Every structure is written in C-alpha cells, then in structure tokens.
N, C-alpha and C. Protein backbone atom coordinates (compact mmCIF):
# COMPACT_ATOMS: atom_id res chain seq x y z
N PHE A 1 86.58 107.34 119.58
CA PHE A 1 85.18 107.45 119.35
C PHE A 1 84.32 106.82 120.29
N ALA A 2 83.49 107.31 121.10
CA ALA A 2 82.63 106.50 121.91
C ALA A 2 81.37 106.83 121.76
N THR A 3 80.25 106.21 121.99
CA THR A 3 78.98 106.36 121.89
C THR A 3 78.22 106.75 123.12
N GLY A 4 77.78 107.93 123.39
CA GLY A 4 77.01 108.38 124.49
C GLY A 4 77.67 108.52 125.62
N GLY A 5 79.01 108.68 125.74
CA GLY A 5 79.64 108.55 127.03
C GLY A 5 79.73 106.99 127.47
N GLY A 6 79.37 105.87 126.67
CA GLY A 6 79.78 104.73 127.14
C GLY A 6 81.04 104.27 126.72
N SER A 7 81.26 103.07 126.95
CA SER A 7 82.85 102.45 126.63
C SER A 7 82.67 101.86 125.45
N ARG A 8 81.61 101.50 124.79
CA ARG A 8 81.67 100.61 123.32
C ARG A 8 82.32 101.75 122.24
N ALA A 9 83.31 101.19 121.72
CA ALA A 9 83.90 102.08 120.57
C ALA A 9 83.26 101.74 119.39
N ILE A 10 83.28 102.83 118.34
CA ILE A 10 82.36 102.48 117.27
C ILE A 10 83.74 102.87 115.95
N LYS A 11 83.13 102.02 114.88
CA LYS A 11 84.19 102.09 113.87
C LYS A 11 83.62 103.42 113.06
N VAL A 12 84.16 104.42 112.68
CA VAL A 12 83.64 105.59 112.17
C VAL A 12 84.56 105.45 110.64
N VAL A 13 83.61 105.48 109.62
CA VAL A 13 83.94 105.59 108.23
C VAL A 13 83.82 107.05 107.72
N ALA A 14 85.01 107.55 107.22
CA ALA A 14 84.92 108.68 106.33
C ALA A 14 85.22 108.70 105.08
N ILE A 15 84.77 109.90 104.17
CA ILE A 15 84.92 109.59 102.90
C ILE A 15 85.65 110.91 102.35
N TYR A 16 86.46 111.14 101.55
CA TYR A 16 87.32 111.98 100.83
C TYR A 16 86.72 112.06 99.43
N PRO A 17 85.78 112.68 99.08
CA PRO A 17 85.47 112.94 97.70
C PRO A 17 86.39 113.86 96.82
N GLY A 18 86.64 113.67 95.54
CA GLY A 18 87.15 114.73 94.62
C GLY A 18 87.47 114.30 93.32
N THR A 19 87.74 114.92 92.44
CA THR A 19 87.51 114.89 91.01
C THR A 19 89.27 114.20 90.83
N PHE A 20 90.35 114.59 91.60
CA PHE A 20 91.65 114.26 91.69
C PHE A 20 91.96 114.10 90.01
N ASP A 21 92.10 115.11 89.43
CA ASP A 21 92.39 115.17 88.17
C ASP A 21 93.68 115.89 87.68
N PRO A 22 94.90 115.49 87.99
CA PRO A 22 95.28 114.34 88.79
C PRO A 22 95.52 114.47 90.24
N VAL A 23 95.76 113.39 90.87
CA VAL A 23 96.38 113.31 92.43
C VAL A 23 97.38 114.24 92.66
N THR A 24 97.41 115.17 93.57
CA THR A 24 98.62 116.00 93.75
C THR A 24 99.20 115.72 95.38
N ASN A 25 100.38 116.17 95.66
CA ASN A 25 101.10 115.87 96.93
C ASN A 25 100.04 116.52 97.82
N GLY A 26 99.55 117.69 97.54
CA GLY A 26 98.25 118.24 98.49
C GLY A 26 97.06 117.20 98.95
N HIS A 27 96.77 116.47 97.84
CA HIS A 27 95.66 115.77 98.24
C HIS A 27 96.04 114.44 98.87
N LEU A 28 97.42 113.99 98.89
CA LEU A 28 97.75 112.65 99.61
C LEU A 28 98.06 113.59 100.95
N ASP A 29 98.79 114.71 100.99
CA ASP A 29 98.82 115.31 102.49
C ASP A 29 97.76 115.30 103.37
N VAL A 30 96.43 115.58 102.82
CA VAL A 30 95.16 115.46 103.41
C VAL A 30 94.80 113.96 103.54
N ILE A 31 95.01 113.32 102.71
CA ILE A 31 94.67 111.71 102.94
C ILE A 31 95.57 111.19 104.17
N GLY A 32 96.85 111.48 104.11
CA GLY A 32 97.72 110.94 105.12
C GLY A 32 97.32 111.75 106.56
N ARG A 33 96.99 113.02 106.62
CA ARG A 33 96.41 113.40 107.86
C ARG A 33 95.20 112.88 108.43
N ALA A 34 94.24 112.45 107.42
CA ALA A 34 92.91 111.96 107.86
C ALA A 34 93.23 110.45 108.15
N VAL A 35 93.82 109.74 107.58
CA VAL A 35 94.12 108.18 108.05
C VAL A 35 93.97 108.01 109.33
N PRO A 36 94.85 108.37 110.21
CA PRO A 36 94.78 108.08 111.77
C PRO A 36 93.57 108.59 112.33
N LEU A 37 92.73 109.46 111.75
CA LEU A 37 91.39 109.67 112.41
C LEU A 37 90.62 108.60 112.38
N PHE A 38 90.64 107.86 111.53
CA PHE A 38 89.28 107.13 111.04
C PHE A 38 89.76 105.61 110.91
N ALA A 39 88.69 104.91 111.05
CA ALA A 39 89.01 103.42 111.18
C ALA A 39 89.01 103.08 109.60
N GLU A 40 88.42 103.75 108.88
CA GLU A 40 88.57 103.51 107.30
C GLU A 40 88.28 104.89 106.54
N LEU A 41 89.00 105.28 105.63
CA LEU A 41 88.92 106.47 104.80
C LEU A 41 88.54 105.88 103.26
N ARG A 42 87.62 106.22 102.84
CA ARG A 42 87.19 105.93 101.61
C ARG A 42 87.52 107.10 100.64
N VAL A 43 88.40 106.87 99.56
CA VAL A 43 88.61 108.20 98.81
C VAL A 43 87.81 107.81 97.57
N ALA A 44 86.86 108.56 97.23
CA ALA A 44 85.89 108.58 96.20
C ALA A 44 86.39 109.49 94.84
N VAL A 45 86.34 109.04 93.88
CA VAL A 45 86.96 109.56 92.83
C VAL A 45 85.75 110.01 91.84
N PHE A 46 85.38 110.95 91.81
CA PHE A 46 84.09 111.50 91.04
C PHE A 46 84.10 111.97 89.76
N ASN A 47 83.38 111.97 89.02
CA ASN A 47 83.30 112.86 87.78
C ASN A 47 82.35 114.21 88.30
N ASN A 48 83.13 115.35 88.12
CA ASN A 48 82.47 116.60 88.15
C ASN A 48 82.00 117.03 86.82
N SER A 49 80.52 117.37 86.52
CA SER A 49 80.23 117.87 85.42
C SER A 49 80.42 119.13 85.15
N ALA A 50 81.10 120.05 86.01
CA ALA A 50 81.50 121.28 85.65
C ALA A 50 82.98 121.31 85.29
N LYS A 51 83.53 120.19 85.24
CA LYS A 51 85.01 120.20 84.98
C LYS A 51 85.17 118.75 83.68
N GLU A 52 85.89 119.40 82.86
CA GLU A 52 86.42 118.41 81.70
C GLU A 52 87.57 117.58 82.23
N PRO A 53 87.80 116.56 82.66
CA PRO A 53 88.84 115.89 83.25
C PRO A 53 89.88 115.71 82.07
N LEU A 54 91.29 115.84 82.38
CA LEU A 54 92.16 115.15 81.37
C LEU A 54 92.33 113.81 81.30
N PHE A 55 92.24 113.28 82.77
CA PHE A 55 92.19 111.69 82.63
C PHE A 55 90.73 111.01 82.68
N SER A 56 90.80 109.78 82.22
CA SER A 56 89.31 109.25 82.62
C SER A 56 89.30 109.04 84.02
N LEU A 57 88.07 108.54 84.47
CA LEU A 57 87.54 108.02 85.77
C LEU A 57 88.46 107.08 86.14
N GLU A 58 88.70 106.10 85.23
CA GLU A 58 89.54 104.84 85.72
C GLU A 58 90.88 105.30 86.00
N GLU A 59 91.41 106.10 84.93
CA GLU A 59 92.95 106.36 85.14
C GLU A 59 92.63 107.18 86.52
N ARG A 60 92.28 107.95 86.81
CA ARG A 60 92.33 108.74 87.95
C ARG A 60 92.21 108.06 89.28
N ARG A 61 91.20 106.90 89.13
CA ARG A 61 91.12 105.91 90.21
C ARG A 61 92.27 105.22 90.36
N GLU A 62 92.84 104.75 89.48
CA GLU A 62 94.29 103.93 89.07
C GLU A 62 95.58 104.68 89.94
N MET A 63 95.59 105.97 89.42
CA MET A 63 96.37 106.81 90.24
C MET A 63 96.61 106.91 91.58
N LEU A 64 95.33 107.16 91.94
CA LEU A 64 94.89 107.46 93.44
C LEU A 64 95.51 106.13 94.25
N LYS A 65 94.94 104.95 93.75
CA LYS A 65 95.22 103.67 94.30
C LYS A 65 96.54 103.42 94.58
N GLU A 66 97.62 103.79 93.30
CA GLU A 66 98.62 103.32 93.33
C GLU A 66 99.36 104.61 94.68
N ALA A 67 98.83 105.50 94.70
CA ALA A 67 99.61 106.78 95.54
C ALA A 67 99.02 106.61 96.87
N ALA A 68 97.80 106.41 97.46
CA ALA A 68 97.36 106.16 98.67
C ALA A 68 97.35 104.79 98.99
N ARG A 69 98.66 104.47 99.48
CA ARG A 69 98.98 103.22 100.10
C ARG A 69 98.94 102.88 101.66
N TRP A 70 97.73 103.45 102.12
CA TRP A 70 97.62 103.46 103.70
C TRP A 70 96.46 102.34 103.82
N ASP A 71 96.90 101.17 104.69
CA ASP A 71 96.15 99.96 105.00
C ASP A 71 94.15 100.35 105.25
N ASN A 72 94.19 101.40 105.75
CA ASN A 72 92.77 101.79 106.15
C ASN A 72 92.20 102.71 104.74
N VAL A 73 92.70 102.76 103.85
CA VAL A 73 92.31 103.61 102.53
C VAL A 73 91.80 102.51 101.61
N ARG A 74 90.47 102.86 101.12
CA ARG A 74 90.13 102.43 99.90
C ARG A 74 89.70 103.51 98.63
N VAL A 75 89.96 103.20 97.75
CA VAL A 75 89.76 104.08 96.67
C VAL A 75 89.17 103.53 95.53
N GLU A 76 87.82 104.19 95.32
CA GLU A 76 86.89 103.73 94.26
C GLU A 76 86.34 104.86 93.30
N ALA A 77 85.65 104.76 92.35
CA ALA A 77 85.02 105.37 91.60
C ALA A 77 83.85 105.64 91.72
N PHE A 78 83.05 106.87 91.55
CA PHE A 78 81.58 106.74 91.85
C PHE A 78 81.07 107.79 91.16
N SER A 79 79.66 107.33 90.53
CA SER A 79 79.13 108.91 89.88
C SER A 79 77.77 108.99 90.72
N GLY A 80 77.51 110.41 90.95
CA GLY A 80 76.31 110.42 91.58
C GLY A 80 76.65 111.60 92.88
N LEU A 81 75.80 111.60 93.91
CA LEU A 81 75.81 112.56 94.75
C LEU A 81 76.87 111.95 95.97
N THR A 82 77.64 112.87 96.55
CA THR A 82 78.60 112.75 97.43
C THR A 82 77.83 112.00 98.54
N VAL A 83 76.59 112.68 99.04
CA VAL A 83 75.93 111.99 100.14
C VAL A 83 75.32 110.61 99.85
N GLU A 84 74.95 110.23 98.45
CA GLU A 84 74.59 108.90 98.33
C GLU A 84 75.66 107.90 98.69
N TYR A 85 77.05 108.36 98.22
CA TYR A 85 78.02 107.44 98.31
C TYR A 85 78.38 107.07 99.98
N ALA A 86 78.16 108.43 100.54
CA ALA A 86 78.50 108.27 102.12
C ALA A 86 77.69 107.22 102.95
N ARG A 87 76.17 107.29 102.10
CA ARG A 87 75.24 106.58 102.77
C ARG A 87 75.57 105.18 102.21
N LEU A 88 75.83 104.75 101.01
CA LEU A 88 76.29 103.42 100.39
C LEU A 88 77.10 103.02 101.42
N HIS A 89 78.05 103.57 102.02
CA HIS A 89 79.35 103.13 102.66
C HIS A 89 79.22 103.40 104.34
N ARG A 90 78.29 103.65 104.81
CA ARG A 90 77.80 104.00 106.04
C ARG A 90 78.77 104.88 106.54
N ALA A 91 79.28 105.73 105.74
CA ALA A 91 80.29 106.93 106.04
C ALA A 91 79.49 107.91 107.54
N ARG A 92 80.12 108.51 108.11
CA ARG A 92 79.63 109.59 109.10
C ARG A 92 80.07 110.82 108.82
N VAL A 93 81.32 110.95 108.06
CA VAL A 93 82.21 111.97 108.21
C VAL A 93 82.51 112.38 106.54
N ILE A 94 82.49 113.55 106.03
CA ILE A 94 83.23 113.65 104.69
C ILE A 94 84.21 114.65 104.86
N VAL A 95 85.29 114.20 104.68
CA VAL A 95 86.69 114.96 104.54
C VAL A 95 86.86 116.00 103.62
N ARG A 96 87.14 117.54 103.74
CA ARG A 96 87.27 118.10 102.89
C ARG A 96 88.86 118.92 103.16
N GLY A 97 89.64 119.32 102.23
CA GLY A 97 90.87 119.97 102.44
C GLY A 97 90.66 121.40 101.72
N LEU A 98 90.97 122.31 102.63
CA LEU A 98 90.98 123.70 102.24
C LEU A 98 92.64 124.34 102.26
N ARG A 99 92.71 124.94 101.10
CA ARG A 99 94.01 125.60 100.68
C ARG A 99 94.04 127.03 101.21
N ALA A 100 92.97 127.53 100.81
CA ALA A 100 93.07 129.11 101.06
C ALA A 100 91.58 129.51 101.28
N VAL A 101 91.28 130.85 101.67
CA VAL A 101 90.12 131.34 102.03
C VAL A 101 89.13 131.14 100.61
N LEU A 102 89.47 131.47 99.45
CA LEU A 102 88.78 131.06 98.27
C LEU A 102 88.02 129.52 98.67
N ASP A 103 88.56 128.44 98.84
CA ASP A 103 88.04 127.31 99.01
C ASP A 103 87.06 127.46 100.10
N PHE A 104 87.31 128.00 101.15
CA PHE A 104 86.56 127.82 101.91
C PHE A 104 84.86 128.24 101.82
N GLU A 105 84.79 129.23 101.02
CA GLU A 105 83.44 129.81 100.69
C GLU A 105 82.71 128.30 99.90
N HIS A 106 83.28 128.10 98.85
CA HIS A 106 82.76 127.11 98.22
C HIS A 106 82.59 125.92 99.02
N GLU A 107 83.60 125.49 99.71
CA GLU A 107 83.39 124.26 100.70
C GLU A 107 82.41 124.25 101.71
N PHE A 108 82.04 125.52 102.08
CA PHE A 108 81.36 125.82 103.16
C PHE A 108 79.64 125.59 102.81
N GLN A 109 79.60 126.32 101.48
CA GLN A 109 78.30 126.09 100.87
C GLN A 109 78.12 124.88 100.56
N MET A 110 79.03 123.93 100.12
CA MET A 110 78.64 122.41 99.89
C MET A 110 78.32 121.52 101.17
N ALA A 111 79.25 121.91 102.18
CA ALA A 111 79.04 121.54 103.53
C ALA A 111 77.58 121.61 103.99
N LEU A 112 77.05 122.90 103.83
CA LEU A 112 75.56 123.23 104.41
C LEU A 112 74.58 122.70 103.42
N MET A 113 74.92 122.39 102.29
CA MET A 113 73.87 121.64 101.25
C MET A 113 73.82 120.20 101.60
N ASN A 114 74.98 119.74 101.86
CA ASN A 114 75.18 118.24 102.27
C ASN A 114 74.49 118.02 103.42
N LYS A 115 74.79 118.60 104.45
CA LYS A 115 73.94 118.61 105.77
C LYS A 115 72.36 118.82 105.66
N GLN A 116 72.10 119.36 104.83
CA GLN A 116 70.52 119.67 104.57
C GLN A 116 69.82 118.46 103.73
N ILE A 117 70.80 117.95 103.10
CA ILE A 117 70.35 116.58 102.47
C ILE A 117 70.44 115.36 103.36
N ALA A 118 71.49 115.16 104.22
CA ALA A 118 71.94 114.36 104.81
C ALA A 118 72.45 114.53 106.30
N PRO A 119 71.36 114.94 107.08
CA PRO A 119 71.75 115.77 108.55
C PRO A 119 72.71 114.68 109.28
N GLU A 120 72.88 113.57 109.07
CA GLU A 120 73.95 112.40 109.71
C GLU A 120 75.16 112.41 109.42
N LEU A 121 75.37 113.25 108.19
CA LEU A 121 76.77 113.73 108.02
C LEU A 121 77.75 114.79 108.50
N GLU A 122 78.35 114.85 109.17
CA GLU A 122 79.44 115.90 109.22
C GLU A 122 80.62 116.06 108.42
N THR A 123 81.03 117.27 108.16
CA THR A 123 82.03 117.42 107.40
C THR A 123 83.03 118.16 108.08
N LEU A 124 84.51 117.56 107.66
CA LEU A 124 85.56 117.76 108.45
C LEU A 124 86.56 118.55 107.65
N PHE A 125 86.90 119.83 107.86
CA PHE A 125 88.00 120.47 106.98
C PHE A 125 89.21 120.53 107.56
N LEU A 126 90.07 120.06 106.75
CA LEU A 126 91.47 120.16 107.08
C LEU A 126 92.32 120.96 106.35
N LEU A 127 92.89 121.79 107.03
CA LEU A 127 93.57 122.77 106.36
C LEU A 127 95.00 122.14 105.56
N THR A 128 95.21 122.13 104.62
CA THR A 128 96.53 121.64 103.65
C THR A 128 97.74 122.12 104.45
N SER A 129 98.54 121.44 104.71
CA SER A 129 99.92 121.77 104.97
C SER A 129 100.59 122.90 104.29
N SER A 130 101.11 123.73 104.68
CA SER A 130 101.59 125.06 104.21
C SER A 130 102.40 125.24 102.68
N GLN A 131 103.29 123.86 102.77
CA GLN A 131 103.78 123.86 101.44
C GLN A 131 102.87 123.36 100.14
N TYR A 132 101.63 122.85 100.67
CA TYR A 132 100.74 122.56 99.23
C TYR A 132 99.66 123.67 99.22
N ALA A 133 99.79 124.64 99.89
CA ALA A 133 98.49 125.54 99.98
C ALA A 133 98.68 126.12 98.54
N HIS A 134 99.59 126.38 97.81
CA HIS A 134 99.35 127.17 96.36
C HIS A 134 98.98 125.95 95.39
N LEU A 135 98.86 124.69 95.60
CA LEU A 135 98.93 123.66 94.56
C LEU A 135 97.30 123.15 94.31
N SER A 136 97.28 122.91 93.01
CA SER A 136 96.02 122.52 92.78
C SER A 136 96.14 121.64 91.49
N SER A 137 95.14 120.92 90.92
CA SER A 137 95.42 120.06 90.00
C SER A 137 95.38 120.85 88.44
N THR A 138 94.86 121.96 88.47
CA THR A 138 94.40 122.86 87.43
C THR A 138 95.89 123.36 87.40
N MET A 139 96.68 123.82 88.25
CA MET A 139 97.87 124.32 88.17
C MET A 139 99.11 123.28 87.58
N VAL A 140 98.82 122.13 88.10
CA VAL A 140 99.86 121.23 87.88
C VAL A 140 99.27 120.78 86.44
N LYS A 141 98.31 120.62 85.82
CA LYS A 141 98.15 120.34 84.36
C LYS A 141 98.59 121.37 83.47
N GLU A 142 98.50 122.87 83.72
CA GLU A 142 99.03 123.86 83.07
C GLU A 142 100.52 123.72 82.82
N LEU A 143 101.25 123.31 84.13
CA LEU A 143 102.87 123.41 84.17
C LEU A 143 102.88 121.97 83.30
N ALA A 144 102.40 121.18 83.29
CA ALA A 144 102.93 119.72 82.73
C ALA A 144 102.61 120.17 81.33
N SER A 145 101.47 120.81 80.84
CA SER A 145 101.52 121.16 79.32
C SER A 145 102.63 122.00 78.80
N TYR A 146 103.35 122.62 79.57
CA TYR A 146 104.58 123.22 78.77
C TYR A 146 105.68 122.32 79.35
N GLY A 147 105.70 121.24 79.80
CA GLY A 147 106.74 120.42 80.12
C GLY A 147 107.33 120.76 81.25
N ALA A 148 107.16 121.66 82.23
CA ALA A 148 107.83 121.82 83.25
C ALA A 148 107.94 120.69 84.26
N ALA A 149 109.05 120.63 84.98
CA ALA A 149 109.29 119.72 86.33
C ALA A 149 108.08 119.88 87.15
N LEU A 150 107.77 118.45 87.54
CA LEU A 150 106.32 118.81 88.70
C LEU A 150 107.17 117.90 90.14
N LYS A 151 108.18 117.80 89.99
CA LYS A 151 109.02 117.07 91.18
C LYS A 151 108.60 117.95 92.49
N GLY A 152 108.15 117.30 93.64
CA GLY A 152 107.50 117.81 94.87
C GLY A 152 106.04 118.23 94.68
N LEU A 153 105.44 118.18 93.51
CA LEU A 153 103.83 118.52 93.40
C LEU A 153 102.94 117.56 93.18
N VAL A 154 103.37 116.48 92.64
CA VAL A 154 102.90 115.18 92.46
C VAL A 154 103.87 113.85 92.43
N PRO A 155 103.34 112.82 92.74
CA PRO A 155 104.21 111.73 92.97
C PRO A 155 104.73 111.32 91.39
N ALA A 156 106.10 110.89 91.28
CA ALA A 156 106.84 110.68 90.04
C ALA A 156 105.89 109.74 89.24
N PHE A 157 105.23 109.13 89.42
CA PHE A 157 104.56 108.34 88.43
C PHE A 157 103.47 109.08 87.83
N VAL A 158 102.75 110.07 88.71
CA VAL A 158 101.94 111.15 88.12
C VAL A 158 102.63 111.85 86.96
N GLU A 159 103.67 112.53 87.67
CA GLU A 159 104.20 113.38 86.50
C GLU A 159 104.93 112.65 85.19
N GLU A 160 105.03 111.28 85.25
CA GLU A 160 105.28 110.57 84.17
C GLU A 160 104.18 110.70 83.34
N ARG A 161 103.02 110.27 83.71
CA ARG A 161 101.63 110.13 83.09
C ARG A 161 101.39 111.61 82.37
N LEU A 162 101.49 112.62 83.37
CA LEU A 162 100.99 113.91 82.80
C LEU A 162 101.80 114.07 81.47
N HIS A 163 103.11 114.10 81.65
CA HIS A 163 104.07 114.36 80.32
C HIS A 163 103.87 113.49 79.25
N ARG A 164 103.42 112.33 79.68
CA ARG A 164 103.01 111.43 78.26
C ARG A 164 101.89 111.88 77.72
N LYS A 165 100.70 112.08 78.55
CA LYS A 165 99.47 112.49 78.02
C LYS A 165 99.52 113.74 77.22
N TYR A 166 100.50 114.67 77.85
CA TYR A 166 100.69 116.16 76.74
C TYR A 166 101.43 115.87 75.56
N ARG A 167 102.17 114.86 75.65
CA ARG A 167 103.06 114.67 74.67
C ARG A 167 102.37 113.96 73.32
N THR A 168 101.44 113.10 73.57
CA THR A 168 100.65 112.06 72.84
C THR A 168 99.14 112.73 72.34
N GLY A 169 98.62 114.07 73.22
CA GLY A 169 97.61 114.44 72.87
C GLY A 169 96.46 113.76 73.68
C-alpha cells in the first residue's frame, strides 16, 4: 500500500470481528487469507447481545488465540461497537467473511452503518472457500450437541471442548 502515489509504504491494520462461538475452520480460512493482505490483523472476539453464547468471552478468546497462530495476528476480547475497537487500534479495514447470499444482505447493511459512523473505515468482504460455505458456528454446536464428529469443521481441540461442554452441561 502506498500513500498518494508516493513511495512511502504505510502499515495497514485490519480487524476481523465476530462472536466466534466457537471458532470454525471457516473462520480460520478467512483469517488465513486476510493475513498476507495486512501488516497486522486484529481478531476481535465480541459479545453479541442478540446471541447467547455457549462459551464465555474468555473461552472464545483462548480458543481463537490457540487456533490463529500467524505472526501478524492479535486476538483480543472486546465489548462495544466494532468501529470503536477499530479506532482504538487505528485500523483502516474491517474484514468480513461471506458464505452465501444471505450473509451478504446482513453484512452489507452493517458495512453501510459502520461507514456512516466511521467514514475512515473500509469493509473488505472475503468469500469463504467453497469447502466451508455451508459451515456456521450454530451448525457446529448443533452437531456437537448430538455427539457428532466434527472433523474438518473445527480444530481438534475445539471439537474436544465442544463435546466436553455438552457432556457436562
């Protein structure tokens, strides 16, 4: 990235916000594809007031931190507006993953609202790789609640934690 046609390179920080309850291989796919695009990618684990998470905020942060082991990735928990988090860390880009057309409508509305609140921020949509297009944390939790194998859907340690959570309640 260069500024105004000059030769000075700038450090671009991006954020990838989400609930990540739990982190899936689809999330990791988006992270892995965003990593080479930015000097720093901050994965922000948020509480979503519209959802009741299975894992605590700290558990979700810990799982993501273990799974997202790229040198330029930072994982943090945060409460508040995404744009506040972005401004706090001088991020210029919000990364969002898209699985299907249904995702686009919601994400497009959110991107427009974020742009109105923080015009300096851009939203970058990354299409999830086709092998993860059907995958959601909600689906993973439902499968886990029935004791189904989750190989290829989540990292092995996340599968273990899901099955333990559902066995112990």
